[in-house]
Amino acid sequence: METVTISPKFQFVIPQKVREEMGLRAGEEMKVFSFRNRIEIVPVRDIRTLRSSLKGIDTSSVREGDRL
């Protein structure tokens, strides 16, 4: 786990190791929100970047019938 320091302008630098693991780029948009007494920072990604991310997933699970 990395530690950062908040500047007087309430800014901080995302450590290089985390930036590389997440594939973050300068100028990329992030969503910031509080959740259960912590700060969550989530990159805003184009839906097209998720294409093929579930390739090879097992879809043979048994599903419930419609509830109508």
PDB file of N, CA and C in Angstrom:
ATOM      1  N   MET A   1       0.849  -1.170   0.000  1.00  0.00           N
ATOM      2  CA  MET A   1       0.000   0.000   0.000  1.00  0.00           C
ATOM      3  C   MET A   1       0.893   1.230   0.000  1.00  0.00           C
ATOM      4  N   GLU A   2       0.573   2.167  -0.851  1.00  0.00           N
ATOM      5  CA  GLU A   2       1.345   3.402  -0.987  1.00  0.00           C
ATOM      6  C   GLU A   2       0.783   4.495  -0.080  1.00  0.00           C
ATOM      7  N   THR A   3       1.634   5.426   0.330  1.00  0.00           N
ATOM      8  CA  THR A   3       1.214   6.562   1.141  1.00  0.00           C
ATOM      9  C   THR A   3       1.485   7.843   0.365  1.00  0.00           C
ATOM     10  N   VAL A   4       0.524   8.769   0.379  1.00  0.00           N
ATOM     11  CA  VAL A   4       0.692  10.069  -0.277  1.00  0.00           C
ATOM     12  C   VAL A   4       0.429  11.166   0.740  1.00  0.00           C
ATOM     13  N   THR A   5       0.875  12.378   0.410  1.00  0.00           N
ATOM     14  CA  THR A   5       0.669  13.535   1.273  1.00  0.00           C
ATOM     15  C   THR A   5      -0.177  14.557   0.528  1.00  0.00           C
ATOM     16  N   ILE A   6      -1.153  15.113   1.203  1.00  0.00           N
ATOM     17  CA  ILE A   6      -2.017  16.134   0.601  1.00  0.00           C
ATOM     18  C   ILE A   6      -1.315  17.479   0.719  1.00  0.00           C
ATOM     19  N   SER A   7      -1.235  18.208  -0.408  1.00  0.00           N
ATOM     20  CA  SER A   7      -0.580  19.517  -0.435  1.00  0.00           C
ATOM     21  C   SER A   7      -1.506  20.579   0.164  1.00  0.00           C
ATOM     22  N   PRO A   8      -0.986  21.789   0.394  1.00  0.00           N
ATOM     23  CA  PRO A   8      -1.839  22.874   0.899  1.00  0.00           C
ATOM     24  C   PRO A   8      -3.017  23.201  -0.030  1.00  0.00           C
ATOM     25  N   LYS A   9      -2.898  22.828  -1.318  1.00  0.00           N
ATOM     26  CA  LYS A   9      -3.998  23.038  -2.270  1.00  0.00           C
ATOM     27  C   LYS A   9      -4.894  21.799  -2.355  1.00  0.00           C
ATOM     28  N   PHE A  10      -4.757  20.856  -1.416  1.00  0.00           N
ATOM     29  CA  PHE A  10      -5.526  19.609  -1.375  1.00  0.00           C
ATOM     30  C   PHE A  10      -5.287  18.741  -2.612  1.00  0.00           C
ATOM     31  N   GLN A  11      -4.054  18.715  -3.098  1.00  0.00           N
ATOM     32  CA  GLN A  11      -3.668  17.882  -4.224  1.00  0.00           C
ATOM     33  C   GLN A  11      -2.733  16.783  -3.729  1.00  0.00           C
ATOM     34  N   PHE A  12      -2.666  15.682  -4.474  1.00  0.00           N
ATOM     35  CA  PHE A  12      -1.685  14.639  -4.193  1.00  0.00           C
ATOM     36  C   PHE A  12      -1.284  13.984  -5.498  1.00  0.00           C
ATOM     37  N   VAL A  13      -0.159  13.275  -5.484  1.00  0.00           N
ATOM     38  CA  VAL A  13       0.350  12.597  -6.666  1.00  0.00           C
ATOM     39  C   VAL A  13       0.069  11.107  -6.519  1.00  0.00           C
ATOM     40  N   ILE A  14      -0.495  10.524  -7.569  1.00  0.00           N
ATOM     41  CA  ILE A  14      -0.726   9.080  -7.579  1.00  0.00           C
ATOM     42  C   ILE A  14       0.635   8.423  -7.819  1.00  0.00           C
ATOM     43  N   PRO A  15       1.061   7.530  -6.937  1.00  0.00           N
ATOM     44  CA  PRO A  15       2.382   6.922  -7.086  1.00  0.00           C
ATOM     45  C   PRO A  15       2.559   6.229  -8.441  1.00  0.00           C
ATOM     46  N   GLN A  16       3.790   6.254  -8.949  1.00  0.00           N
ATOM     47  CA  GLN A  16       4.098   5.718 -10.270  1.00  0.00           C
ATOM     48  C   GLN A  16       3.685   4.257 -10.397  1.00  0.00           C
ATOM     49  N   LYS A  17       3.935   3.455  -9.386  1.00  0.00           N
ATOM     50  CA  LYS A  17       3.587   2.030  -9.439  1.00  0.00           C
ATOM     51  C   LYS A  17       2.088   1.850  -9.661  1.00  0.00           C
ATOM     52  N   VAL A  18       1.269   2.643  -8.972  1.00  0.00           N
ATOM     53  CA  VAL A  18      -0.188   2.560  -9.115  1.00  0.00           C
ATOM     54  C   VAL A  18      -0.607   3.049 -10.499  1.00  0.00           C
ATOM     55  N   ARG A  19      -0.017   4.140 -10.964  1.00  0.00           N
ATOM     56  CA  ARG A  19      -0.341   4.662 -12.307  1.00  0.00           C
ATOM     57  C   ARG A  19      -0.064   3.617 -13.375  1.00  0.00           C
ATOM     58  N   GLU A  20       1.068   2.936 -13.260  1.00  0.00           N
ATOM     59  CA  GLU A  20       1.427   1.933 -14.261  1.00  0.00           C
ATOM     60  C   GLU A  20       0.505   0.719 -14.186  1.00  0.00           C
ATOM     61  N   GLU A  21       0.196   0.250 -12.975  1.00  0.00           N
ATOM     62  CA  GLU A  21      -0.702  -0.898 -12.817  1.00  0.00           C
ATOM     63  C   GLU A  21      -2.091  -0.612 -13.383  1.00  0.00           C
ATOM     64  N   MET A  22      -2.569   0.626 -13.210  1.00  0.00           N
ATOM     65  CA  MET A  22      -3.909   0.998 -13.654  1.00  0.00           C
ATOM     66  C   MET A  22      -3.935   1.515 -15.091  1.00  0.00           C
ATOM     67  N   GLY A  23      -2.768   1.743 -15.686  1.00  0.00           N
ATOM     68  CA  GLY A  23      -2.707   2.267 -17.048  1.00  0.00           C
ATOM     69  C   GLY A  23      -3.200   3.696 -17.143  1.00  0.00           C
ATOM     70  N   LEU A  24      -2.952   4.498 -16.114  1.00  0.00           N
ATOM     71  CA  LEU A  24      -3.419   5.885 -16.092  1.00  0.00           C
ATOM     72  C   LEU A  24      -2.529   6.773 -16.951  1.00  0.00           C
ATOM     73  N   ARG A  25      -3.140   7.766 -17.566  1.00  0.00           N
ATOM     74  CA  ARG A  25      -2.431   8.726 -18.415  1.00  0.00           C
ATOM     75  C   ARG A  25      -2.699  10.140 -17.910  1.00  0.00           C
ATOM     76  N   ALA A  26      -1.773  11.050 -18.157  1.00  0.00           N
ATOM     77  CA  ALA A  26      -1.956  12.451 -17.782  1.00  0.00           C
ATOM     78  C   ALA A  26      -3.179  13.010 -18.511  1.00  0.00           C
ATOM     79  N   GLY A  27      -4.000  13.760 -17.809  1.00  0.00           N
ATOM     80  CA  GLY A  27      -5.187  14.369 -18.400  1.00  0.00           C
ATOM     81  C   GLY A  27      -6.422  13.485 -18.360  1.00  0.00           C
ATOM     82  N   GLU A  28      -6.278  12.250 -17.910  1.00  0.00           N
ATOM     83  CA  GLU A  28      -7.411  11.330 -17.841  1.00  0.00           C
ATOM     84  C   GLU A  28      -8.379  11.770 -16.742  1.00  0.00           C
ATOM     85  N   GLU A  29      -9.677  11.655 -17.011  1.00  0.00           N
ATOM     86  CA  GLU A  29     -10.692  12.052 -16.025  1.00  0.00           C
ATOM     87  C   GLU A  29     -10.883  10.964 -14.984  1.00  0.00           C
ATOM     88  N   MET A  30     -11.164  11.392 -13.744  1.00  0.00           N
ATOM     89  CA  MET A  30     -11.410  10.478 -12.637  1.00  0.00           C
ATOM     90  C   MET A  30     -12.670  10.924 -11.915  1.00  0.00           C
ATOM     91  N   LYS A  31     -13.435   9.966 -11.418  1.00  0.00           N
ATOM     92  CA  LYS A  31     -14.576  10.249 -10.541  1.00  0.00           C
ATOM     93  C   LYS A  31     -14.076  10.090  -9.104  1.00  0.00           C
ATOM     94  N   VAL A  32     -14.460  11.034  -8.243  1.00  0.00           N
ATOM     95  CA  VAL A  32     -14.040  11.015  -6.843  1.00  0.00           C
ATOM     96  C   VAL A  32     -15.284  11.077  -5.968  1.00  0.00           C
ATOM     97  N   PHE A  33     -15.376  10.151  -5.011  1.00  0.00           N
ATOM     98  CA  PHE A  33     -16.512  10.171  -4.095  1.00  0.00           C
ATOM     99  C   PHE A  33     -16.104   9.560  -2.763  1.00  0.00           C
ATOM    100  N   SER A  34     -16.872   9.862  -1.740  1.00  0.00           N
ATOM    101  CA  SER A  34     -16.617   9.264  -0.425  1.00  0.00           C
ATOM    102  C   SER A  34     -17.496   8.036  -0.281  1.00  0.00           C
ATOM    103  N   PHE A  35     -16.946   7.000   0.361  1.00  0.00           N
ATOM    104  CA  PHE A  35     -17.661   5.743   0.546  1.00  0.00           C
ATOM    105  C   PHE A  35     -17.159   5.096   1.825  1.00  0.00           C
ATOM    106  N   ARG A  36     -18.069   4.924   2.778  1.00  0.00           N
ATOM    107  CA  ARG A  36     -17.739   4.273   4.055  1.00  0.00           C
ATOM    108  C   ARG A  36     -16.478   4.833   4.692  1.00  0.00           C
ATOM    109  N   ASN A  37     -16.437   6.131   4.850  1.00  0.00           N
ATOM    110  CA  ASN A  37     -15.350   6.828   5.537  1.00  0.00           C
ATOM    111  C   ASN A  37     -14.005   6.727   4.811  1.00  0.00           C
ATOM    112  N   ARG A  38     -14.038   6.624   3.486  1.00  0.00           N
ATOM    113  CA  ARG A  38     -12.809   6.645   2.706  1.00  0.00           C
ATOM    114  C   ARG A  38     -13.067   7.357   1.391  1.00  0.00           C
ATOM    115  N   ILE A  39     -12.015   7.700   0.684  1.00  0.00           N
ATOM    116  CA  ILE A  39     -12.113   8.379  -0.604  1.00  0.00           C
ATOM    117  C   ILE A  39     -11.870   7.366  -1.710  1.00  0.00           C
ATOM    118  N   GLU A  40     -12.783   7.292  -2.667  1.00  0.00           N
ATOM    119  CA  GLU A  40     -12.659   6.390  -3.810  1.00  0.00           C
ATOM    120  C   GLU A  40     -12.373   7.235  -5.053  1.00  0.00           C
ATOM    121  N   ILE A  41     -11.392   6.825  -5.839  1.00  0.00           N
ATOM    122  CA  ILE A  41     -11.040   7.514  -7.082  1.00  0.00           C
ATOM    123  C   ILE A  41     -11.094   6.484  -8.198  1.00  0.00           C
ATOM    124  N   VAL A  42     -11.983   6.698  -9.166  1.00  0.00           N
ATOM    125  CA  VAL A  42     -12.224   5.724 -10.222  1.00  0.00           C
ATOM    126  C   VAL A  42     -12.002   6.387 -11.584  1.00  0.00           C
ATOM    127  N   PRO A  43     -11.151   5.793 -12.434  1.00  0.00           N
ATOM    128  CA  PRO A  43     -10.944   6.376 -13.762  1.00  0.00           C
ATOM    129  C   PRO A  43     -12.202   6.273 -14.616  1.00  0.00           C
ATOM    130  N   VAL A  44     -12.483   7.318 -15.372  1.00  0.00           N
ATOM    131  CA  VAL A  44     -13.608   7.329 -16.305  1.00  0.00           C
ATOM    132  C   VAL A  44     -13.082   6.746 -17.611  1.00  0.00           C
ATOM    133  N   ARG A  45     -13.613   5.590 -17.972  1.00  0.00           N
ATOM    134  CA  ARG A  45     -13.133   4.911 -19.176  1.00  0.00           C
ATOM    135  C   ARG A  45     -14.260   4.798 -20.190  1.00  0.00           C
ATOM    136  N   ASP A  46     -13.905   4.866 -21.462  1.00  0.00           N
ATOM    137  CA  ASP A  46     -14.850   4.680 -22.549  1.00  0.00           C
ATOM    138  C   ASP A  46     -15.319   3.225 -22.535  1.00  0.00           C
ATOM    139  N   ILE A  47     -16.580   3.006 -22.751  1.00  0.00           N
ATOM    140  CA  ILE A  47     -17.149   1.660 -22.706  1.00  0.00           C
ATOM    141  C   ILE A  47     -16.462   0.739 -23.714  1.00  0.00           C
ATOM    142  N   ARG A  48     -15.940   1.295 -24.790  1.00  0.00           N
ATOM    143  CA  ARG A  48     -15.263   0.470 -25.804  1.00  0.00           C
ATOM    144  C   ARG A  48     -13.987  -0.181 -25.273  1.00  0.00           C
ATOM    145  N   THR A  49     -13.401   0.384 -24.205  1.00  0.00           N
ATOM    146  CA  THR A  49     -12.187  -0.214 -23.643  1.00  0.00           C
ATOM    147  C   THR A  49     -12.486  -1.533 -22.944  1.00  0.00           C
ATOM    148  N   LEU A  50     -13.755  -1.794 -22.629  1.00  0.00           N
ATOM    149  CA  LEU A  50     -14.139  -3.033 -21.975  1.00  0.00           C
ATOM    150  C   LEU A  50     -14.368  -4.172 -22.966  1.00  0.00           C
ATOM    151  N   ARG A  51     -14.347  -3.852 -24.241  1.00  0.00           N
ATOM    152  CA  ARG A  51     -14.593  -4.865 -25.261  1.00  0.00           C
ATOM    153  C   ARG A  51     -13.596  -6.016 -25.109  1.00  0.00           C
ATOM    154  N   SER A  52     -14.089  -7.221 -25.133  1.00  0.00           N
ATOM    155  CA  SER A  52     -13.311  -8.455 -25.003  1.00  0.00           C
ATOM    156  C   SER A  52     -12.750  -8.679 -23.604  1.00  0.00           C
ATOM    157  N   SER A  53     -13.119  -7.851 -22.627  1.00  0.00           N
ATOM    158  CA  SER A  53     -12.589  -8.041 -21.281  1.00  0.00           C
ATOM    159  C   SER A  53     -13.170  -9.278 -20.609  1.00  0.00           C
ATOM    160  N   LEU A  54     -14.310  -9.765 -21.076  1.00  0.00           N
ATOM    161  CA  LEU A  54     -14.926 -10.962 -20.504  1.00  0.00           C
ATOM    162  C   LEU A  54     -14.786 -12.174 -21.420  1.00  0.00           C
ATOM    163  N   LYS A  55     -13.900 -12.066 -22.401  1.00  0.00           N
ATOM    164  CA  LYS A  55     -13.708 -13.160 -23.347  1.00  0.00           C
ATOM    165  C   LYS A  55     -13.264 -14.415 -22.599  1.00  0.00           C
ATOM    166  N   GLY A  56     -13.914 -15.530 -22.890  1.00  0.00           N
ATOM    167  CA  GLY A  56     -13.568 -16.790 -22.255  1.00  0.00           C
ATOM    168  C   GLY A  56     -14.313 -17.053 -20.966  1.00  0.00           C
ATOM    169  N   ILE A  57     -15.207 -16.151 -20.564  1.00  0.00           N
ATOM    170  CA  ILE A  57     -15.960 -16.346 -19.328  1.00  0.00           C
ATOM    171  C   ILE A  57     -16.937 -17.515 -19.495  1.00  0.00           C
ATOM    172  N   ASP A  58     -17.129 -18.264 -18.431  1.00  0.00           N
ATOM    173  CA  ASP A  58     -18.037 -19.414 -18.468  1.00  0.00           C
ATOM    174  C   ASP A  58     -19.476 -18.921 -18.320  1.00  0.00           C
ATOM    175  N   THR A  59     -20.271 -19.086 -19.353  1.00  0.00           N
ATOM    176  CA  THR A  59     -21.667 -18.633 -19.338  1.00  0.00           C
ATOM    177  C   THR A  59     -22.639 -19.795 -19.206  1.00  0.00           C
ATOM    178  N   SER A  60     -22.154 -20.943 -18.785  1.00  0.00           N
ATOM    179  CA  SER A  60     -23.004 -22.121 -18.729  1.00  0.00           C
ATOM    180  C   SER A  60     -23.777 -22.267 -17.402  1.00  0.00           C
ATOM    181  N   SER A  61     -23.742 -21.261 -16.548  1.00  0.00           N
ATOM    182  CA  SER A  61     -24.445 -21.360 -15.271  1.00  0.00           C
ATOM    183  C   SER A  61     -25.951 -21.404 -15.481  1.00  0.00           C
ATOM    184  N   VAL A  62     -26.667 -22.054 -14.562  1.00  0.00           N
ATOM    185  CA  VAL A  62     -28.117 -22.193 -14.652  1.00  0.00           C
ATOM    186  C   VAL A  62     -28.747 -20.903 -14.145  1.00  0.00           C
ATOM    187  N   ARG A  63     -29.673 -20.356 -14.925  1.00  0.00           N
ATOM    188  CA  ARG A  63     -30.338 -19.114 -14.565  1.00  0.00           C
ATOM    189  C   ARG A  63     -31.750 -19.398 -14.083  1.00  0.00           C
ATOM    190  N   GLU A  64     -32.245 -18.521 -13.219  1.00  0.00           N
ATOM    191  CA  GLU A  64     -33.629 -18.627 -12.767  1.00  0.00           C
ATOM    192  C   GLU A  64     -34.551 -18.249 -13.913  1.00  0.00           C
ATOM    193  N   GLY A  65     -35.781 -18.754 -13.862  1.00  0.00           N
ATOM    194  CA  GLY A  65     -36.766 -18.382 -14.866  1.00  0.00           C
ATOM    195  C   GLY A  65     -37.265 -16.955 -14.625  1.00  0.00           C
ATOM    196  N   ASP A  66     -38.004 -16.436 -15.589  1.00  0.00           N
ATOM    197  CA  ASP A  66     -38.553 -15.091 -15.458  1.00  0.00           C
ATOM    198  C   ASP A  66     -39.504 -15.039 -14.266  1.00  0.00           C
ATOM    199  N   ARG A  67     -39.559 -13.915 -13.615  1.00  0.00           N
ATOM    200  CA  ARG A  67     -40.411 -13.760 -12.431  1.00  0.00           C
ATOM    201  C   ARG A  67     -41.704 -13.017 -12.732  1.00  0.00           C
ATOM    202  N   LEU A  68     -42.103 -12.977 -13.970  1.00  0.00           N
ATOM    203  CA  LEU A  68     -43.340 -12.272 -14.327  1.00  0.00           C
ATOM    204  C   LEU A  68     -44.538 -13.137 -14.200  1.00  0.00           C
TER     205      LEU A  68
END
